[in-house]
Amino acid sequence: MQQIVPFKSTDDALVILDNGGHFFNLATKANDGIVTKAELGKVAGVYADKQQMSVFLSMSVLDLTPVAREQVLYSLSPELKTAFEQYYPIFLTPAQAATQAEVSSSAVMTGVPRRIDAKSEFKGFIMIPIFAGSVMTMSMIPIIDRYDVYEIYDEQTSDTFFVAHTHGKEKLPETKLQLGGVIKEFKPNKADGAGYVKFLEAFYYREL
């Protein structure tokens, strides 16, 4: 889980984004006025996931003026501009997410997270791919085996929505946050026939 510190100006954004990428990105040049996938990926902490990069960028430019935001987006390579438009997240409260969030879509959610103890009665299972040579099969594992799971609370309505991020040392603070990621789903109880429940797999957060 990566904390986002929003850009304060166009210059601030471009100094960070137009960085030349990693040392092995030989075709990418720093400070050339064009932000490439390699450069955005370096800051966003990913190599190839354009959806995750788009979530990172959308949250990073939120504090900019409309003019400054357009200047930053104008600097994106054609490939990144297309990805940014394709994966631009929907901004939701937990109350809105229940009806408006679509599986596999990008989302940014605002609320207060409260962690669910792995030893609690919370039960949920996710599908993961298992490879045996070139053959892929799907297997169900407990969601808590892979993620730290939270409920995020809507301060105005008290509605909740599940949020999860891969296990790590840092836990989310129980204060008002914006969380950005991708909508996924889990099965509440492997033994019964209940349908799937949506959750936000969060990659980034910012404090409000």
N, C-alpha and C. Protein backbone atom coordinates (compact mmCIF):
# COMPACT_ATOMS: atom_id res chain seq x y z
N MET A 1 0.85 -1.19 0.00
CA MET A 1 0.00 0.00 0.00
C MET A 1 0.89 1.24 0.00
N GLN A 2 0.69 2.12 -0.94
CA GLN A 2 1.55 3.29 -1.09
C GLN A 2 0.77 4.55 -0.78
N GLN A 3 1.34 5.39 0.08
CA GLN A 3 0.70 6.66 0.38
C GLN A 3 1.01 7.66 -0.71
N ILE A 4 0.01 8.42 -1.12
CA ILE A 4 0.17 9.43 -2.16
C ILE A 4 0.28 10.80 -1.53
N VAL A 5 1.29 11.55 -1.94
CA VAL A 5 1.41 12.96 -1.58
C VAL A 5 1.07 13.75 -2.85
N PRO A 6 -0.09 14.38 -2.91
CA PRO A 6 -0.54 15.03 -4.15
C PRO A 6 0.42 16.11 -4.62
N PHE A 7 0.52 16.26 -5.93
CA PHE A 7 1.34 17.31 -6.51
C PHE A 7 0.74 18.68 -6.17
N LYS A 8 1.63 19.67 -6.00
CA LYS A 8 1.19 21.01 -5.65
C LYS A 8 1.19 21.97 -6.83
N SER A 9 1.91 21.61 -7.88
CA SER A 9 1.98 22.47 -9.06
C SER A 9 2.38 21.64 -10.27
N THR A 10 2.27 22.23 -11.45
CA THR A 10 2.70 21.54 -12.66
C THR A 10 4.19 21.22 -12.59
N ASP A 11 4.98 22.21 -12.17
CA ASP A 11 6.44 21.99 -12.08
C ASP A 11 6.75 20.86 -11.11
N ASP A 12 6.08 20.85 -9.97
CA ASP A 12 6.27 19.78 -8.98
C ASP A 12 5.98 18.43 -9.61
N ALA A 13 4.87 18.35 -10.33
CA ALA A 13 4.47 17.08 -10.94
C ALA A 13 5.48 16.62 -11.99
N LEU A 14 5.92 17.52 -12.85
CA LEU A 14 6.79 17.11 -13.95
C LEU A 14 8.20 16.78 -13.48
N VAL A 15 8.68 17.44 -12.43
CA VAL A 15 9.98 17.07 -11.87
C VAL A 15 9.96 15.62 -11.41
N ILE A 16 8.84 15.22 -10.80
CA ILE A 16 8.73 13.85 -10.28
C ILE A 16 8.43 12.85 -11.38
N LEU A 17 7.54 13.20 -12.31
CA LEU A 17 7.08 12.25 -13.32
C LEU A 17 8.05 12.09 -14.49
N ASP A 18 8.66 13.16 -14.94
CA ASP A 18 9.54 13.12 -16.11
C ASP A 18 10.94 12.75 -15.66
N ASN A 19 11.09 11.50 -15.19
CA ASN A 19 12.27 11.11 -14.42
C ASN A 19 13.25 10.19 -15.16
N GLY A 20 12.93 9.82 -16.38
CA GLY A 20 13.83 8.94 -17.13
C GLY A 20 13.62 7.45 -16.90
N GLY A 21 12.74 7.10 -15.97
CA GLY A 21 12.46 5.69 -15.71
C GLY A 21 13.59 5.02 -14.95
N HIS A 22 13.63 3.71 -15.01
CA HIS A 22 14.69 2.94 -14.36
C HIS A 22 15.96 2.94 -15.23
N PHE A 23 17.07 2.52 -14.65
CA PHE A 23 18.35 2.56 -15.35
C PHE A 23 18.33 1.73 -16.63
N PHE A 24 17.45 0.71 -16.67
CA PHE A 24 17.42 -0.15 -17.85
C PHE A 24 16.48 0.37 -18.93
N ASN A 25 15.79 1.49 -18.69
CA ASN A 25 14.93 2.10 -19.70
C ASN A 25 15.78 3.04 -20.57
N LEU A 26 16.59 2.45 -21.43
CA LEU A 26 17.59 3.21 -22.17
C LEU A 26 16.98 4.20 -23.16
N ALA A 27 15.76 3.93 -23.62
CA ALA A 27 15.15 4.81 -24.62
C ALA A 27 14.37 5.96 -23.98
N THR A 28 14.31 6.00 -22.67
CA THR A 28 13.54 7.01 -21.96
C THR A 28 14.47 8.06 -21.40
N LYS A 29 14.19 9.34 -21.67
CA LYS A 29 15.05 10.43 -21.23
C LYS A 29 14.33 11.29 -20.19
N ALA A 30 15.05 11.66 -19.16
CA ALA A 30 14.48 12.56 -18.14
C ALA A 30 14.40 13.98 -18.67
N ASN A 31 13.39 14.70 -18.21
CA ASN A 31 13.24 16.13 -18.50
C ASN A 31 13.12 16.43 -19.99
N ASP A 32 12.49 15.51 -20.72
CA ASP A 32 12.31 15.76 -22.16
C ASP A 32 10.91 16.25 -22.48
N GLY A 33 10.09 16.48 -21.46
CA GLY A 33 8.75 17.01 -21.67
C GLY A 33 7.70 15.96 -21.96
N ILE A 34 8.09 14.68 -22.00
CA ILE A 34 7.15 13.60 -22.28
C ILE A 34 7.22 12.57 -21.15
N VAL A 35 6.09 12.29 -20.53
CA VAL A 35 6.03 11.30 -19.46
C VAL A 35 5.60 9.97 -20.06
N THR A 36 6.47 8.97 -19.97
CA THR A 36 6.21 7.66 -20.55
C THR A 36 5.69 6.68 -19.50
N LYS A 37 5.28 5.51 -19.96
CA LYS A 37 4.81 4.46 -19.05
C LYS A 37 5.90 4.07 -18.06
N ALA A 38 7.14 3.96 -18.55
CA ALA A 38 8.24 3.58 -17.67
C ALA A 38 8.44 4.60 -16.56
N GLU A 39 8.29 5.88 -16.89
CA GLU A 39 8.49 6.94 -15.89
C GLU A 39 7.35 6.99 -14.88
N LEU A 40 6.13 6.90 -15.35
CA LEU A 40 4.99 6.90 -14.43
C LEU A 40 5.01 5.64 -13.57
N GLY A 41 5.37 4.52 -14.18
CA GLY A 41 5.43 3.27 -13.44
C GLY A 41 6.46 3.30 -12.33
N LYS A 42 7.57 3.98 -12.54
CA LYS A 42 8.61 4.09 -11.51
C LYS A 42 8.05 4.80 -10.29
N VAL A 43 7.30 5.87 -10.49
CA VAL A 43 6.75 6.64 -9.36
C VAL A 43 5.58 5.89 -8.72
N ALA A 44 4.78 5.21 -9.55
CA ALA A 44 3.59 4.51 -9.05
C ALA A 44 3.93 3.17 -8.42
N GLY A 45 5.16 2.70 -8.59
CA GLY A 45 5.57 1.45 -7.97
C GLY A 45 5.17 0.21 -8.75
N VAL A 46 4.94 0.35 -10.05
CA VAL A 46 4.59 -0.80 -10.89
C VAL A 46 5.37 -0.72 -12.20
N TYR A 47 5.41 -1.85 -12.92
CA TYR A 47 6.15 -1.88 -14.18
C TYR A 47 5.24 -1.82 -15.41
N ALA A 48 4.14 -2.57 -15.39
CA ALA A 48 3.36 -2.69 -16.62
C ALA A 48 1.87 -2.46 -16.42
N ASP A 49 1.40 -2.34 -15.20
CA ASP A 49 -0.03 -2.26 -14.94
C ASP A 49 -0.54 -0.84 -15.18
N LYS A 50 -1.05 -0.58 -16.39
CA LYS A 50 -1.49 0.76 -16.74
C LYS A 50 -2.73 1.19 -15.97
N GLN A 51 -3.56 0.23 -15.56
CA GLN A 51 -4.73 0.58 -14.76
C GLN A 51 -4.29 1.13 -13.41
N GLN A 52 -3.34 0.46 -12.78
CA GLN A 52 -2.85 0.93 -11.48
C GLN A 52 -2.14 2.27 -11.62
N MET A 53 -1.36 2.45 -12.69
CA MET A 53 -0.71 3.74 -12.93
C MET A 53 -1.74 4.86 -13.07
N SER A 54 -2.84 4.58 -13.75
CA SER A 54 -3.86 5.59 -13.97
C SER A 54 -4.54 5.99 -12.66
N VAL A 55 -4.74 5.02 -11.78
CA VAL A 55 -5.31 5.34 -10.46
C VAL A 55 -4.35 6.23 -9.69
N PHE A 56 -3.06 5.88 -9.72
CA PHE A 56 -2.05 6.70 -9.04
C PHE A 56 -2.07 8.13 -9.55
N LEU A 57 -2.04 8.29 -10.86
CA LEU A 57 -1.97 9.63 -11.43
C LEU A 57 -3.24 10.43 -11.13
N SER A 58 -4.39 9.80 -11.23
CA SER A 58 -5.65 10.51 -10.98
C SER A 58 -5.71 11.04 -9.55
N MET A 59 -5.18 10.28 -8.58
CA MET A 59 -5.17 10.73 -7.20
C MET A 59 -4.08 11.78 -6.95
N SER A 60 -2.99 11.69 -7.69
CA SER A 60 -1.87 12.61 -7.48
C SER A 60 -2.16 14.03 -7.97
N VAL A 61 -3.05 14.17 -8.94
CA VAL A 61 -3.30 15.50 -9.52
C VAL A 61 -4.57 16.15 -8.95
N LEU A 62 -5.18 15.54 -7.95
CA LEU A 62 -6.47 16.05 -7.46
C LEU A 62 -6.38 17.46 -6.88
N ASP A 63 -5.24 17.82 -6.30
CA ASP A 63 -5.13 19.14 -5.67
C ASP A 63 -4.70 20.23 -6.64
N LEU A 64 -4.43 19.88 -7.89
CA LEU A 64 -4.03 20.88 -8.88
C LEU A 64 -5.23 21.65 -9.41
N THR A 65 -4.99 22.86 -9.88
CA THR A 65 -6.04 23.61 -10.56
C THR A 65 -6.37 22.91 -11.87
N PRO A 66 -7.54 23.14 -12.43
CA PRO A 66 -7.87 22.51 -13.72
C PRO A 66 -6.82 22.79 -14.80
N VAL A 67 -6.29 24.01 -14.83
CA VAL A 67 -5.28 24.34 -15.84
C VAL A 67 -4.00 23.55 -15.60
N ALA A 68 -3.55 23.50 -14.36
CA ALA A 68 -2.33 22.75 -14.04
C ALA A 68 -2.50 21.27 -14.32
N ARG A 69 -3.68 20.75 -14.02
CA ARG A 69 -3.96 19.34 -14.27
C ARG A 69 -3.87 19.04 -15.76
N GLU A 70 -4.44 19.90 -16.58
CA GLU A 70 -4.39 19.70 -18.03
C GLU A 70 -2.96 19.77 -18.55
N GLN A 71 -2.14 20.62 -17.95
CA GLN A 71 -0.74 20.71 -18.38
C GLN A 71 0.00 19.41 -18.10
N VAL A 72 -0.29 18.82 -16.95
CA VAL A 72 0.36 17.54 -16.63
C VAL A 72 -0.11 16.46 -17.59
N LEU A 73 -1.41 16.38 -17.82
CA LEU A 73 -1.95 15.34 -18.69
C LEU A 73 -1.48 15.53 -20.14
N TYR A 74 -1.27 16.78 -20.54
CA TYR A 74 -0.77 17.06 -21.88
C TYR A 74 0.63 16.47 -22.08
N SER A 75 1.38 16.32 -20.99
CA SER A 75 2.76 15.81 -21.07
C SER A 75 2.82 14.30 -21.18
N LEU A 76 1.70 13.61 -21.03
CA LEU A 76 1.71 12.15 -21.12
C LEU A 76 1.95 11.69 -22.55
N SER A 77 2.64 10.58 -22.69
CA SER A 77 2.82 9.98 -24.00
C SER A 77 1.44 9.55 -24.54
N PRO A 78 1.30 9.39 -25.86
CA PRO A 78 0.01 8.96 -26.42
C PRO A 78 -0.51 7.67 -25.78
N GLU A 79 0.39 6.73 -25.51
CA GLU A 79 0.00 5.47 -24.89
C GLU A 79 -0.59 5.70 -23.51
N LEU A 80 0.04 6.58 -22.73
CA LEU A 80 -0.46 6.85 -21.38
C LEU A 80 -1.76 7.64 -21.40
N LYS A 81 -1.90 8.56 -22.33
CA LYS A 81 -3.15 9.33 -22.43
C LYS A 81 -4.32 8.39 -22.69
N THR A 82 -4.12 7.43 -23.58
CA THR A 82 -5.18 6.47 -23.87
C THR A 82 -5.51 5.63 -22.64
N ALA A 83 -4.48 5.18 -21.94
CA ALA A 83 -4.70 4.36 -20.73
C ALA A 83 -5.38 5.17 -19.64
N PHE A 84 -4.98 6.43 -19.49
CA PHE A 84 -5.57 7.28 -18.45
C PHE A 84 -7.06 7.47 -18.70
N GLU A 85 -7.43 7.68 -19.94
CA GLU A 85 -8.85 7.83 -20.27
C GLU A 85 -9.61 6.52 -20.08
N GLN A 86 -8.98 5.42 -20.44
CA GLN A 86 -9.64 4.11 -20.34
C GLN A 86 -9.86 3.70 -18.89
N TYR A 87 -8.89 3.97 -18.04
CA TYR A 87 -8.93 3.48 -16.66
C TYR A 87 -9.20 4.57 -15.62
N TYR A 88 -9.65 5.72 -16.06
CA TYR A 88 -9.90 6.79 -15.10
C TYR A 88 -10.92 6.30 -14.07
N PRO A 89 -10.64 6.45 -12.78
CA PRO A 89 -11.51 5.86 -11.77
C PRO A 89 -12.80 6.64 -11.54
N ILE A 90 -13.80 5.93 -11.06
CA ILE A 90 -15.01 6.57 -10.58
C ILE A 90 -14.81 6.88 -9.11
N PHE A 91 -15.25 8.05 -8.67
CA PHE A 91 -15.08 8.48 -7.29
C PHE A 91 -16.38 8.18 -6.54
N LEU A 92 -16.26 7.42 -5.44
CA LEU A 92 -17.43 6.88 -4.76
C LEU A 92 -17.33 7.05 -3.25
N THR A 93 -18.49 7.08 -2.61
CA THR A 93 -18.57 6.86 -1.18
C THR A 93 -18.91 5.39 -0.98
N PRO A 94 -18.72 4.85 0.24
CA PRO A 94 -19.14 3.46 0.48
C PRO A 94 -20.62 3.23 0.17
N ALA A 95 -21.45 4.23 0.44
CA ALA A 95 -22.88 4.09 0.16
C ALA A 95 -23.14 3.94 -1.33
N GLN A 96 -22.42 4.70 -2.15
CA GLN A 96 -22.60 4.65 -3.60
C GLN A 96 -22.02 3.38 -4.20
N ALA A 97 -20.95 2.86 -3.58
CA ALA A 97 -20.23 1.72 -4.16
C ALA A 97 -21.09 0.48 -4.28
N ALA A 98 -22.02 0.29 -3.36
CA ALA A 98 -22.84 -0.93 -3.38
C ALA A 98 -23.60 -1.07 -4.68
N THR A 99 -24.02 0.03 -5.28
CA THR A 99 -24.82 -0.04 -6.51
C THR A 99 -24.06 0.42 -7.74
N GLN A 100 -23.02 1.24 -7.58
CA GLN A 100 -22.36 1.84 -8.74
C GLN A 100 -21.02 1.21 -9.09
N ALA A 101 -20.39 0.52 -8.15
CA ALA A 101 -19.07 -0.07 -8.42
C ALA A 101 -19.21 -1.29 -9.31
N GLU A 102 -18.41 -1.36 -10.35
CA GLU A 102 -18.43 -2.48 -11.28
C GLU A 102 -17.12 -3.26 -11.16
N VAL A 103 -17.23 -4.57 -11.12
CA VAL A 103 -16.06 -5.43 -10.99
C VAL A 103 -15.07 -5.16 -12.13
N SER A 104 -13.80 -5.06 -11.79
CA SER A 104 -12.67 -4.79 -12.70
C SER A 104 -12.51 -3.32 -13.05
N SER A 105 -13.39 -2.45 -12.55
CA SER A 105 -13.27 -1.03 -12.84
C SER A 105 -12.38 -0.35 -11.81
N SER A 106 -11.81 0.79 -12.18
CA SER A 106 -11.00 1.59 -11.26
C SER A 106 -11.92 2.42 -10.38
N ALA A 107 -11.52 2.61 -9.12
CA ALA A 107 -12.35 3.38 -8.20
C ALA A 107 -11.48 4.06 -7.16
N VAL A 108 -11.96 5.22 -6.71
CA VAL A 108 -11.38 5.93 -5.57
C VAL A 108 -12.51 6.14 -4.58
N MET A 109 -12.30 5.69 -3.35
CA MET A 109 -13.36 5.71 -2.34
C MET A 109 -12.92 6.52 -1.14
N THR A 110 -13.87 7.27 -0.58
CA THR A 110 -13.58 8.12 0.58
C THR A 110 -14.34 7.60 1.79
N GLY A 111 -13.63 7.49 2.92
CA GLY A 111 -14.27 7.04 4.15
C GLY A 111 -13.24 6.75 5.21
N VAL A 112 -13.68 6.14 6.30
CA VAL A 112 -12.82 5.80 7.42
C VAL A 112 -12.68 4.28 7.50
N PRO A 113 -11.47 3.73 7.30
CA PRO A 113 -11.31 2.26 7.33
C PRO A 113 -11.15 1.74 8.75
N ARG A 114 -11.73 0.56 9.00
CA ARG A 114 -11.55 -0.14 10.26
C ARG A 114 -11.18 -1.57 9.94
N ARG A 115 -10.04 -1.99 10.46
CA ARG A 115 -9.50 -3.30 10.08
C ARG A 115 -10.31 -4.43 10.70
N ILE A 116 -10.50 -5.48 9.91
CA ILE A 116 -11.17 -6.68 10.38
C ILE A 116 -10.11 -7.66 10.87
N ASP A 117 -10.22 -8.08 12.10
CA ASP A 117 -9.24 -9.00 12.69
C ASP A 117 -9.31 -10.35 11.99
N ALA A 118 -8.14 -10.86 11.61
CA ALA A 118 -8.08 -12.15 10.92
C ALA A 118 -8.64 -13.28 11.78
N LYS A 119 -8.68 -13.09 13.10
CA LYS A 119 -9.19 -14.12 13.99
C LYS A 119 -10.69 -14.01 14.23
N SER A 120 -11.31 -13.04 13.58
CA SER A 120 -12.74 -12.85 13.78
C SER A 120 -13.52 -13.89 13.00
N GLU A 121 -14.83 -13.74 13.01
CA GLU A 121 -15.69 -14.68 12.30
C GLU A 121 -15.82 -14.33 10.81
N PHE A 122 -15.08 -13.32 10.36
CA PHE A 122 -15.15 -12.94 8.95
C PHE A 122 -14.65 -14.08 8.07
N LYS A 123 -15.48 -14.48 7.13
CA LYS A 123 -15.12 -15.55 6.20
C LYS A 123 -15.35 -15.06 4.77
N GLY A 124 -14.36 -15.24 3.96
CA GLY A 124 -14.50 -14.88 2.56
C GLY A 124 -13.43 -15.57 1.76
N PHE A 125 -13.72 -15.87 0.49
CA PHE A 125 -12.80 -16.62 -0.36
C PHE A 125 -12.67 -15.93 -1.70
N ILE A 126 -11.45 -15.91 -2.23
CA ILE A 126 -11.19 -15.32 -3.55
C ILE A 126 -10.65 -16.39 -4.48
N MET A 127 -10.88 -16.17 -5.77
CA MET A 127 -10.35 -17.07 -6.79
C MET A 127 -8.97 -16.59 -7.21
N ILE A 128 -8.01 -17.51 -7.24
CA ILE A 128 -6.67 -17.17 -7.72
C ILE A 128 -6.24 -18.19 -8.76
N PRO A 129 -5.43 -17.76 -9.74
CA PRO A 129 -4.94 -18.72 -10.75
C PRO A 129 -3.79 -19.57 -10.20
N ILE A 130 -3.82 -20.85 -10.51
CA ILE A 130 -2.75 -21.78 -10.15
C ILE A 130 -2.19 -22.37 -11.44
N PHE A 131 -0.87 -22.29 -11.61
CA PHE A 131 -0.25 -22.79 -12.84
C PHE A 131 0.50 -24.09 -12.57
N ALA A 132 0.26 -25.07 -13.42
CA ALA A 132 1.02 -26.31 -13.43
C ALA A 132 1.60 -26.45 -14.83
N GLY A 133 2.84 -26.01 -14.98
CA GLY A 133 3.40 -25.93 -16.32
C GLY A 133 2.69 -24.82 -17.09
N SER A 134 2.12 -25.17 -18.21
CA SER A 134 1.39 -24.18 -19.02
C SER A 134 -0.11 -24.24 -18.78
N VAL A 135 -0.55 -25.08 -17.86
CA VAL A 135 -1.98 -25.24 -17.57
C VAL A 135 -2.36 -24.39 -16.37
N MET A 136 -3.41 -23.59 -16.54
CA MET A 136 -3.89 -22.74 -15.46
C MET A 136 -5.23 -23.25 -14.94
N THR A 137 -5.35 -23.35 -13.65
CA THR A 137 -6.63 -23.68 -13.01
C THR A 137 -6.91 -22.60 -11.97
N MET A 138 -8.17 -22.48 -11.55
CA MET A 138 -8.56 -21.51 -10.55
C MET A 138 -8.82 -22.21 -9.22
N SER A 139 -8.33 -21.62 -8.16
CA SER A 139 -8.51 -22.19 -6.83
C SER A 139 -9.04 -21.12 -5.89
N MET A 140 -9.81 -21.53 -4.88
CA MET A 140 -10.36 -20.59 -3.91
C MET A 140 -9.51 -20.64 -2.63
N ILE A 141 -9.11 -19.46 -2.14
CA ILE A 141 -8.37 -19.37 -0.89
C ILE A 141 -9.04 -18.33 -0.01
N PRO A 142 -8.87 -18.41 1.32
CA PRO A 142 -9.43 -17.37 2.20
C PRO A 142 -8.85 -16.00 1.85
N ILE A 143 -9.70 -15.01 1.76
CA ILE A 143 -9.24 -13.67 1.39
C ILE A 143 -8.22 -13.13 2.39
N ILE A 144 -8.37 -13.52 3.67
CA ILE A 144 -7.46 -13.02 4.70
C ILE A 144 -6.08 -13.66 4.59
N ASP A 145 -5.93 -14.76 3.84
CA ASP A 145 -4.62 -15.33 3.59
C ASP A 145 -3.76 -14.43 2.71
N ARG A 146 -4.40 -13.61 1.91
CA ARG A 146 -3.67 -12.77 0.96
C ARG A 146 -3.75 -11.28 1.30
N TYR A 147 -4.83 -10.86 1.93
CA TYR A 147 -5.07 -9.44 2.15
C TYR A 147 -5.27 -9.09 3.62
N ASP A 148 -4.97 -7.83 3.95
CA ASP A 148 -5.50 -7.20 5.14
C ASP A 148 -6.86 -6.62 4.73
N VAL A 149 -7.89 -6.95 5.47
CA VAL A 149 -9.26 -6.58 5.08
C VAL A 149 -9.82 -5.55 6.05
N TYR A 150 -10.53 -4.58 5.50
CA TYR A 150 -11.12 -3.50 6.27
C TYR A 150 -12.58 -3.32 5.84
N GLU A 151 -13.33 -2.67 6.69
CA GLU A 151 -14.59 -2.06 6.27
C GLU A 151 -14.37 -0.56 6.27
N ILE A 152 -14.76 0.10 5.19
CA ILE A 152 -14.63 1.54 5.12
C ILE A 152 -16.01 2.14 5.35
N TYR A 153 -16.08 3.12 6.25
CA TYR A 153 -17.35 3.68 6.71
C TYR A 153 -17.63 5.01 6.03
N ASP A 154 -18.87 5.17 5.62
CA ASP A 154 -19.36 6.45 5.10
C ASP A 154 -19.77 7.30 6.30
N GLU A 155 -19.11 8.43 6.51
CA GLU A 155 -19.38 9.25 7.69
C GLU A 155 -20.80 9.82 7.71
N GLN A 156 -21.38 10.01 6.56
CA GLN A 156 -22.71 10.62 6.51
C GLN A 156 -23.83 9.61 6.65
N THR A 157 -23.65 8.42 6.13
CA THR A 157 -24.74 7.44 6.13
C THR A 157 -24.48 6.22 7.00
N SER A 158 -23.24 6.03 7.45
CA SER A 158 -22.81 4.85 8.22
C SER A 158 -22.80 3.57 7.38
N ASP A 159 -23.00 3.69 6.06
CA ASP A 159 -22.88 2.52 5.19
C ASP A 159 -21.41 2.10 5.12
N THR A 160 -21.18 0.83 4.80
CA THR A 160 -19.82 0.31 4.74
C THR A 160 -19.58 -0.40 3.42
N PHE A 161 -18.31 -0.58 3.11
CA PHE A 161 -17.88 -1.31 1.92
C PHE A 161 -16.56 -1.97 2.28
N PHE A 162 -16.33 -3.16 1.76
CA PHE A 162 -15.08 -3.86 2.06
C PHE A 162 -13.92 -3.30 1.23
N VAL A 163 -12.77 -3.17 1.88
CA VAL A 163 -11.53 -2.74 1.24
C VAL A 163 -10.44 -3.72 1.67
N ALA A 164 -9.53 -4.04 0.76
CA ALA A 164 -8.44 -4.95 1.10
C ALA A 164 -7.16 -4.50 0.40
N HIS A 165 -6.03 -4.77 1.04
CA HIS A 165 -4.74 -4.57 0.37
C HIS A 165 -3.83 -5.72 0.75
N THR A 166 -2.86 -6.01 -0.10
CA THR A 166 -1.97 -7.14 0.14
C THR A 166 -1.25 -6.97 1.47
N HIS A 167 -0.95 -8.10 2.12
CA HIS A 167 -0.33 -8.06 3.43
C HIS A 167 0.93 -7.20 3.42
N GLY A 168 1.07 -6.38 4.44
CA GLY A 168 2.26 -5.56 4.58
C GLY A 168 2.42 -5.12 6.01
N LYS A 169 3.55 -4.49 6.31
CA LYS A 169 3.81 -4.04 7.67
C LYS A 169 2.89 -2.88 8.05
N GLU A 170 2.64 -1.98 7.10
CA GLU A 170 1.83 -0.81 7.40
C GLU A 170 0.35 -1.15 7.34
N LYS A 171 -0.38 -0.67 8.34
CA LYS A 171 -1.83 -0.80 8.35
C LYS A 171 -2.43 0.59 8.11
N LEU A 172 -3.61 0.62 7.55
CA LEU A 172 -4.25 1.90 7.27
C LEU A 172 -4.64 2.60 8.57
N PRO A 173 -4.41 3.91 8.67
CA PRO A 173 -4.86 4.65 9.86
C PRO A 173 -6.38 4.77 9.85
N GLU A 174 -6.97 4.74 11.04
CA GLU A 174 -8.43 4.85 11.14
C GLU A 174 -8.83 6.32 11.19
N THR A 175 -8.63 6.96 10.05
CA THR A 175 -8.99 8.35 9.87
C THR A 175 -9.53 8.51 8.45
N LYS A 176 -10.06 9.65 8.14
CA LYS A 176 -10.68 9.84 6.81
C LYS A 176 -9.61 9.77 5.72
N LEU A 177 -9.83 8.86 4.77
CA LEU A 177 -8.88 8.63 3.69
C LEU A 177 -9.58 8.59 2.35
N GLN A 178 -8.78 8.77 1.31
CA GLN A 178 -9.17 8.37 -0.04
C GLN A 178 -8.35 7.15 -0.39
N LEU A 179 -9.01 6.10 -0.86
CA LEU A 179 -8.34 4.85 -1.22
C LEU A 179 -8.59 4.58 -2.70
N GLY A 180 -7.53 4.29 -3.43
CA GLY A 180 -7.65 4.06 -4.86
C GLY A 180 -7.23 2.66 -5.26
N GLY A 181 -8.01 2.04 -6.15
CA GLY A 181 -7.67 0.69 -6.59
C GLY A 181 -8.64 0.17 -7.61
N VAL A 182 -8.88 -1.14 -7.57
CA VAL A 182 -9.73 -1.83 -8.54
C VAL A 182 -10.80 -2.62 -7.80
N ILE A 183 -12.01 -2.58 -8.31
CA ILE A 183 -13.12 -3.33 -7.71
C ILE A 183 -12.99 -4.81 -8.07
N LYS A 184 -13.01 -5.66 -7.04
CA LYS A 184 -12.99 -7.10 -7.25
C LYS A 184 -14.12 -7.72 -6.43
N GLU A 185 -14.14 -9.04 -6.32
CA GLU A 185 -15.22 -9.67 -5.57
C GLU A 185 -14.72 -10.91 -4.84
N PHE A 186 -15.42 -11.24 -3.75
CA PHE A 186 -15.10 -12.46 -3.00
C PHE A 186 -16.39 -13.18 -2.66
N LYS A 187 -16.25 -14.46 -2.33
CA LYS A 187 -17.40 -15.28 -1.95
C LYS A 187 -17.46 -15.32 -0.43
N PRO A 188 -18.57 -14.87 0.17
CA PRO A 188 -18.63 -14.76 1.63
C PRO A 188 -18.43 -16.07 2.37
N ASN A 189 -18.93 -17.18 1.83
CA ASN A 189 -18.82 -18.46 2.53
C ASN A 189 -18.71 -19.57 1.51
N LYS A 190 -17.58 -20.24 1.53
CA LYS A 190 -17.33 -21.29 0.52
C LYS A 190 -18.36 -22.41 0.58
N ALA A 191 -18.92 -22.65 1.77
CA ALA A 191 -19.79 -23.81 1.94
C ALA A 191 -21.21 -23.59 1.44
N ASP A 192 -21.65 -22.34 1.37
CA ASP A 192 -23.04 -22.13 0.95
C ASP A 192 -23.11 -21.60 -0.47
N GLY A 193 -24.31 -21.32 -0.91
CA GLY A 193 -24.50 -20.89 -2.29
C GLY A 193 -24.65 -19.40 -2.45
N ALA A 194 -24.21 -18.63 -1.45
CA ALA A 194 -24.36 -17.18 -1.51
C ALA A 194 -23.58 -16.60 -2.68
N GLY A 195 -24.07 -15.48 -3.21
CA GLY A 195 -23.40 -14.82 -4.31
C GLY A 195 -22.14 -14.11 -3.87
N TYR A 196 -21.46 -13.51 -4.84
CA TYR A 196 -20.21 -12.82 -4.56
C TYR A 196 -20.47 -11.41 -4.03
N VAL A 197 -19.51 -10.93 -3.25
CA VAL A 197 -19.57 -9.59 -2.66
C VAL A 197 -18.41 -8.77 -3.22
N LYS A 198 -18.68 -7.53 -3.58
CA LYS A 198 -17.64 -6.67 -4.15
C LYS A 198 -16.76 -6.06 -3.05
N PHE A 199 -15.49 -5.84 -3.40
CA PHE A 199 -14.59 -5.11 -2.51
C PHE A 199 -13.60 -4.31 -3.35
N LEU A 200 -12.99 -3.32 -2.73
CA LEU A 200 -11.98 -2.52 -3.39
C LEU A 200 -10.60 -3.05 -3.03
N GLU A 201 -9.87 -3.55 -4.03
CA GLU A 201 -8.46 -3.88 -3.80
C GLU A 201 -7.68 -2.58 -3.93
N ALA A 202 -7.22 -2.07 -2.80
CA ALA A 202 -6.61 -0.74 -2.76
C ALA A 202 -5.10 -0.83 -2.94
N PHE A 203 -4.58 0.06 -3.78
CA PHE A 203 -3.13 0.15 -4.01
C PHE A 203 -2.55 1.42 -3.39
N TYR A 204 -3.38 2.47 -3.29
CA TYR A 204 -2.91 3.78 -2.86
C TYR A 204 -3.88 4.39 -1.87
N TYR A 205 -3.34 5.25 -1.01
CA TYR A 205 -4.21 6.03 -0.13
C TYR A 205 -3.63 7.41 0.07
N ARG A 206 -4.51 8.35 0.39
CA ARG A 206 -4.08 9.69 0.78
C ARG A 206 -4.94 10.15 1.93
N GLU A 207 -4.33 10.85 2.87
CA GLU A 207 -5.06 11.36 4.02
C GLU A 207 -5.75 12.66 3.65
N LEU A 208 -6.93 12.85 4.20
CA LEU A 208 -7.73 14.05 3.93
C LEU A 208 -7.76 14.96 5.15
